[in-house]
Amino acid sequence: MHVLLVEDDPLVGAASGGESVLQPLAHLREAAPAVAAGELEYVEAESVGDVNARVQQAAAEGKWTLFDFYADWCVSCHVIERNLFGDPAVASHLARMQLVRPDGTGNDATDRALLEHWGVMGPPTLILVGPDGTERRDLRVAGEIDADGFLKRLDAAGIS
């Protein structure tokens, strides 16, 4: 459920169970999960070796890994960061995963080798790797995706 809080409307606040006259929608804000997109912790990885080490580390911990192939100049990367990772339900799922963000901003030889290793055409590309260290290729996202579509992919993988 997405709630858009445009302004503190006392009528909407009262109808939705709010009790404060000064902040009638405060009870809806409090229901948001504690993890926001800006609070997600990314693990750095620049090379094929870095990425392989991160996959092994997550496998040892029994965790899923999400690779977010990103670049500063990529407009869609910023849309994903704001609209997908900023979604409270998505952020809640991601908080339990290892998040690796290879940054291809420089587009140097190391960046290109990493893209080639994973068969990625360019950012934005999201890759889910299971706790067994295997990519779930059918869940790969190239380009933008909305929160509902991404959550369906996580459900299909059995990530709750």
C-alpha atoms as a PDB file:
ATOM      1  CA  MET A   1       0.000   0.000   0.000  1.00  0.00           C
ATOM      2  CA  HIS A   2       1.342   3.414  -0.941  1.00  0.00           C
ATOM      3  CA  VAL A   3       0.239   6.454   1.039  1.00  0.00           C
ATOM      4  CA  LEU A   4       0.882   9.890  -0.377  1.00  0.00           C
ATOM      5  CA  LEU A   5       0.977  12.489   2.376  1.00  0.00           C
ATOM      6  CA  VAL A   6       0.556  15.773   0.554  1.00  0.00           C
ATOM      7  CA  GLU A   7      -0.384  17.869   3.572  1.00  0.00           C
ATOM      8  CA  ASP A   8      -1.700  17.322   7.077  1.00  0.00           C
ATOM      9  CA  ASP A   9      -5.430  17.341   6.405  1.00  0.00           C
ATOM     10  CA  PRO A  10      -7.421  17.081   9.651  1.00  0.00           C
ATOM     11  CA  LEU A  11     -10.365  15.422   7.892  1.00  0.00           C
ATOM     12  CA  VAL A  12      -8.180  12.707   6.362  1.00  0.00           C
ATOM     13  CA  GLY A  13      -6.356  12.344   9.670  1.00  0.00           C
ATOM     14  CA  ALA A  14      -9.566  11.819  11.624  1.00  0.00           C
ATOM     15  CA  ALA A  15     -10.987   9.426   9.029  1.00  0.00           C
ATOM     16  CA  SER A  16      -7.814   7.311   9.089  1.00  0.00           C
ATOM     17  CA  GLY A  17      -7.643   7.049  12.863  1.00  0.00           C
ATOM     18  CA  GLY A  18      -5.456  10.038  13.688  1.00  0.00           C
ATOM     19  CA  GLU A  19      -5.862  11.562  17.118  1.00  0.00           C
ATOM     20  CA  SER A  20      -3.672  14.673  16.921  1.00  0.00           C
ATOM     21  CA  VAL A  21      -5.168  17.973  15.816  1.00  0.00           C
ATOM     22  CA  LEU A  22      -1.734  19.486  15.219  1.00  0.00           C
ATOM     23  CA  GLN A  23      -0.375  16.496  13.262  1.00  0.00           C
ATOM     24  CA  PRO A  24      -3.407  14.561  12.027  1.00  0.00           C
ATOM     25  CA  LEU A  25      -1.426  12.236   9.727  1.00  0.00           C
ATOM     26  CA  ALA A  26       1.475  11.508  12.085  1.00  0.00           C
ATOM     27  CA  HIS A  27       0.144   8.003  12.790  1.00  0.00           C
ATOM     28  CA  LEU A  28       0.551   7.111   9.105  1.00  0.00           C
ATOM     29  CA  ARG A  29       4.151   8.314   9.016  1.00  0.00           C
ATOM     30  CA  GLU A  30       4.983   6.213  12.080  1.00  0.00           C
ATOM     31  CA  ALA A  31       3.843   3.068  10.263  1.00  0.00           C
ATOM     32  CA  ALA A  32       6.691   3.351   7.742  1.00  0.00           C
ATOM     33  CA  PRO A  33       9.514   0.818   8.127  1.00  0.00           C
ATOM     34  CA  ALA A  34      12.699   1.993   9.804  1.00  0.00           C
ATOM     35  CA  VAL A  35      14.831   1.364   6.698  1.00  0.00           C
ATOM     36  CA  ALA A  36      14.762   4.002   3.990  1.00  0.00           C
ATOM     37  CA  ALA A  37      16.651   3.964   0.692  1.00  0.00           C
ATOM     38  CA  GLY A  38      19.227   6.408   2.006  1.00  0.00           C
ATOM     39  CA  GLU A  39      19.933   4.022   4.876  1.00  0.00           C
ATOM     40  CA  LEU A  40      20.595   0.940   2.758  1.00  0.00           C
ATOM     41  CA  GLU A  41      24.137  -0.297   3.155  1.00  0.00           C
ATOM     42  CA  TYR A  42      26.001  -1.014  -0.057  1.00  0.00           C
ATOM     43  CA  VAL A  43      29.137  -3.108  -0.246  1.00  0.00           C
ATOM     44  CA  GLU A  44      31.692  -1.766  -2.692  1.00  0.00           C
ATOM     45  CA  ALA A  45      32.958  -3.962  -5.482  1.00  0.00           C
ATOM     46  CA  GLU A  46      34.990  -2.735  -8.402  1.00  0.00           C
ATOM     47  CA  SER A  47      36.478  -5.788 -10.060  1.00  0.00           C
ATOM     48  CA  VAL A  48      35.503  -9.327 -10.989  1.00  0.00           C
ATOM     49  CA  GLY A  49      37.569 -10.529  -8.022  1.00  0.00           C
ATOM     50  CA  ASP A  50      35.735  -8.180  -5.639  1.00  0.00           C
ATOM     51  CA  VAL A  51      32.357  -9.374  -6.873  1.00  0.00           C
ATOM     52  CA  ASN A  52      33.301 -13.054  -6.640  1.00  0.00           C
ATOM     53  CA  ALA A  53      34.509 -12.498  -3.064  1.00  0.00           C
ATOM     54  CA  ARG A  54      31.208 -10.815  -2.174  1.00  0.00           C
ATOM     55  CA  VAL A  55      29.211 -13.709  -3.617  1.00  0.00           C
ATOM     56  CA  GLN A  56      31.274 -16.197  -1.590  1.00  0.00           C
ATOM     57  CA  GLN A  57      30.871 -14.095   1.566  1.00  0.00           C
ATOM     58  CA  ALA A  58      27.083 -13.946   1.190  1.00  0.00           C
ATOM     59  CA  ALA A  59      26.919 -17.670   0.458  1.00  0.00           C
ATOM     60  CA  ALA A  60      28.852 -18.381   3.658  1.00  0.00           C
ATOM     61  CA  GLU A  61      26.294 -16.291   5.560  1.00  0.00           C
ATOM     62  CA  GLY A  62      23.311 -17.866   3.763  1.00  0.00           C
ATOM     63  CA  LYS A  63      22.299 -14.496   2.291  1.00  0.00           C
ATOM     64  CA  TRP A  64      20.953 -13.345  -1.026  1.00  0.00           C
ATOM     65  CA  THR A  65      22.942 -10.743  -2.924  1.00  0.00           C
ATOM     66  CA  LEU A  66      21.566  -7.989  -5.119  1.00  0.00           C
ATOM     67  CA  PHE A  67      23.988  -6.489  -7.614  1.00  0.00           C
ATOM     68  CA  ASP A  68      22.958  -2.993  -8.645  1.00  0.00           C
ATOM     69  CA  PHE A  69      25.068  -2.099 -11.675  1.00  0.00           C
ATOM     70  CA  TYR A  70      25.040   1.680 -11.438  1.00  0.00           C
ATOM     71  CA  ALA A  71      26.620   4.819 -12.924  1.00  0.00           C
ATOM     72  CA  ASP A  72      26.280   8.465 -11.897  1.00  0.00           C
ATOM     73  CA  TRP A  73      25.460   9.478 -15.479  1.00  0.00           C
ATOM     74  CA  CYS A  74      22.672   6.873 -15.728  1.00  0.00           C
ATOM     75  CA  VAL A  75      19.321   8.663 -15.404  1.00  0.00           C
ATOM     76  CA  SER A  76      17.405   5.400 -14.942  1.00  0.00           C
ATOM     77  CA  CYS A  77      19.771   4.433 -12.090  1.00  0.00           C
ATOM     78  CA  HIS A  78      18.616   7.502 -10.189  1.00  0.00           C
ATOM     79  CA  VAL A  79      14.971   6.679 -10.937  1.00  0.00           C
ATOM     80  CA  ILE A  80      15.499   3.157  -9.551  1.00  0.00           C
ATOM     81  CA  GLU A  81      17.243   4.499  -6.471  1.00  0.00           C
ATOM     82  CA  ARG A  82      14.408   6.922  -5.748  1.00  0.00           C
ATOM     83  CA  ASN A  83      11.330   4.959  -6.812  1.00  0.00           C
ATOM     84  CA  LEU A  84      12.377   1.346  -6.244  1.00  0.00           C
ATOM     85  CA  PHE A  85      14.877   1.425  -3.398  1.00  0.00           C
ATOM     86  CA  GLY A  86      12.923   4.286  -1.817  1.00  0.00           C
ATOM     87  CA  ASP A  87       9.810   2.120  -1.578  1.00  0.00           C
ATOM     88  CA  PRO A  88       9.431   1.018   2.056  1.00  0.00           C
ATOM     89  CA  ALA A  89       8.469  -2.577   1.197  1.00  0.00           C
ATOM     90  CA  VAL A  90      11.430  -2.979  -1.159  1.00  0.00           C
ATOM     91  CA  ALA A  91      13.820  -1.332   1.311  1.00  0.00           C
ATOM     92  CA  SER A  92      12.626  -3.728   4.007  1.00  0.00           C
ATOM     93  CA  HIS A  93      13.474  -6.739   1.809  1.00  0.00           C
ATOM     94  CA  LEU A  94      16.821  -5.288   0.762  1.00  0.00           C
ATOM     95  CA  ALA A  95      17.829  -4.652   4.366  1.00  0.00           C
ATOM     96  CA  ARG A  96      18.108  -8.440   4.806  1.00  0.00           C
ATOM     97  CA  MET A  97      20.276  -8.929   1.728  1.00  0.00           C
ATOM     98  CA  GLN A  98      23.837  -8.109   0.775  1.00  0.00           C
ATOM     99  CA  LEU A  99      23.702  -5.117  -1.568  1.00  0.00           C
ATOM    100  CA  VAL A 100      26.597  -4.726  -3.947  1.00  0.00           C
ATOM    101  CA  ARG A 101      26.784  -1.687  -6.177  1.00  0.00           C
ATOM    102  CA  PRO A 102      29.464  -1.868  -8.852  1.00  0.00           C
ATOM    103  CA  ASP A 103      29.888   1.729 -10.008  1.00  0.00           C
ATOM    104  CA  GLY A 104      30.520   1.971 -13.734  1.00  0.00           C
ATOM    105  CA  THR A 105      30.650   5.771 -13.812  1.00  0.00           C
ATOM    106  CA  GLY A 106      34.229   5.842 -15.088  1.00  0.00           C
ATOM    107  CA  ASN A 107      33.608   3.161 -17.743  1.00  0.00           C
ATOM    108  CA  ASP A 108      37.251   2.091 -17.486  1.00  0.00           C
ATOM    109  CA  ALA A 109      38.771  -1.303 -18.323  1.00  0.00           C
ATOM    110  CA  THR A 110      37.919  -2.728 -14.870  1.00  0.00           C
ATOM    111  CA  ASP A 111      34.288  -1.612 -15.223  1.00  0.00           C
ATOM    112  CA  ARG A 112      34.023  -3.106 -18.715  1.00  0.00           C
ATOM    113  CA  ALA A 113      35.585  -6.405 -17.559  1.00  0.00           C
ATOM    114  CA  LEU A 114      33.020  -6.664 -14.770  1.00  0.00           C
ATOM    115  CA  LEU A 115      30.134  -5.967 -17.149  1.00  0.00           C
ATOM    116  CA  GLU A 116      31.482  -8.556 -19.583  1.00  0.00           C
ATOM    117  CA  HIS A 117      31.956 -11.135 -16.812  1.00  0.00           C
ATOM    118  CA  TRP A 118      28.269 -10.849 -15.851  1.00  0.00           C
ATOM    119  CA  GLY A 119      26.984 -10.377 -19.410  1.00  0.00           C
ATOM    120  CA  VAL A 120      25.625  -6.938 -18.571  1.00  0.00           C
ATOM    121  CA  MET A 121      25.107  -4.463 -21.413  1.00  0.00           C
ATOM    122  CA  GLY A 122      25.204  -1.497 -19.033  1.00  0.00           C
ATOM    123  CA  PRO A 123      23.460   0.156 -16.155  1.00  0.00           C
ATOM    124  CA  PRO A 124      20.943  -0.058 -14.747  1.00  0.00           C
ATOM    125  CA  THR A 125      20.979  -3.805 -14.297  1.00  0.00           C
ATOM    126  CA  LEU A 126      19.834  -5.631 -11.176  1.00  0.00           C
ATOM    127  CA  ILE A 127      21.060  -9.176 -10.591  1.00  0.00           C
ATOM    128  CA  LEU A 128      19.876 -11.481  -7.811  1.00  0.00           C
ATOM    129  CA  VAL A 129      22.289 -14.156  -6.614  1.00  0.00           C
ATOM    130  CA  GLY A 130      21.003 -16.832  -4.260  1.00  0.00           C
ATOM    131  CA  PRO A 131      22.633 -18.013  -1.060  1.00  0.00           C
ATOM    132  CA  ASP A 132      24.100 -20.873  -3.099  1.00  0.00           C
ATOM    133  CA  GLY A 133      26.134 -18.356  -5.146  1.00  0.00           C
ATOM    134  CA  THR A 134      24.092 -18.858  -8.323  1.00  0.00           C
ATOM    135  CA  GLU A 135      22.503 -16.016 -10.252  1.00  0.00           C
ATOM    136  CA  ARG A 136      18.756 -16.354 -10.731  1.00  0.00           C
ATOM    137  CA  ARG A 137      18.939 -15.294 -14.381  1.00  0.00           C
ATOM    138  CA  ASP A 138      15.159 -15.315 -14.819  1.00  0.00           C
ATOM    139  CA  LEU A 139      14.943 -12.555 -12.187  1.00  0.00           C
ATOM    140  CA  ARG A 140      17.478 -10.219 -13.817  1.00  0.00           C
ATOM    141  CA  VAL A 141      16.271  -6.682 -14.517  1.00  0.00           C
ATOM    142  CA  ALA A 142      17.812  -4.552 -17.252  1.00  0.00           C
ATOM    143  CA  GLY A 143      16.368  -1.044 -17.203  1.00  0.00           C
ATOM    144  CA  GLU A 144      13.753   0.406 -14.922  1.00  0.00           C
ATOM    145  CA  ILE A 145      11.247  -1.595 -12.887  1.00  0.00           C
ATOM    146  CA  ASP A 146       8.596  -0.465 -10.434  1.00  0.00           C
ATOM    147  CA  ALA A 147       8.330  -1.611  -6.834  1.00  0.00           C
ATOM    148  CA  ASP A 148       5.427  -4.006  -7.463  1.00  0.00           C
ATOM    149  CA  GLY A 149       7.248  -5.733 -10.329  1.00  0.00           C
ATOM    150  CA  PHE A 150      10.415  -6.079  -8.277  1.00  0.00           C
ATOM    151  CA  LEU A 151       8.544  -7.421  -5.246  1.00  0.00           C
ATOM    152  CA  LYS A 152       6.934 -10.049  -7.494  1.00  0.00           C
ATOM    153  CA  ARG A 153      10.428 -11.142  -8.556  1.00  0.00           C
ATOM    154  CA  LEU A 154      11.504 -11.407  -4.935  1.00  0.00           C
ATOM    155  CA  ASP A 155       8.380 -13.445  -4.140  1.00  0.00           C
ATOM    156  CA  ALA A 156       9.102 -15.749  -7.102  1.00  0.00           C
ATOM    157  CA  ALA A 157      12.569 -16.341  -5.656  1.00  0.00           C
ATOM    158  CA  GLY A 158      11.118 -17.111  -2.245  1.00  0.00           C
ATOM    159  CA  ILE A 159      12.660 -14.034  -0.663  1.00  0.00           C
ATOM    160  CA  SER A 160      10.328 -12.772   2.021  1.00  0.00           C
END
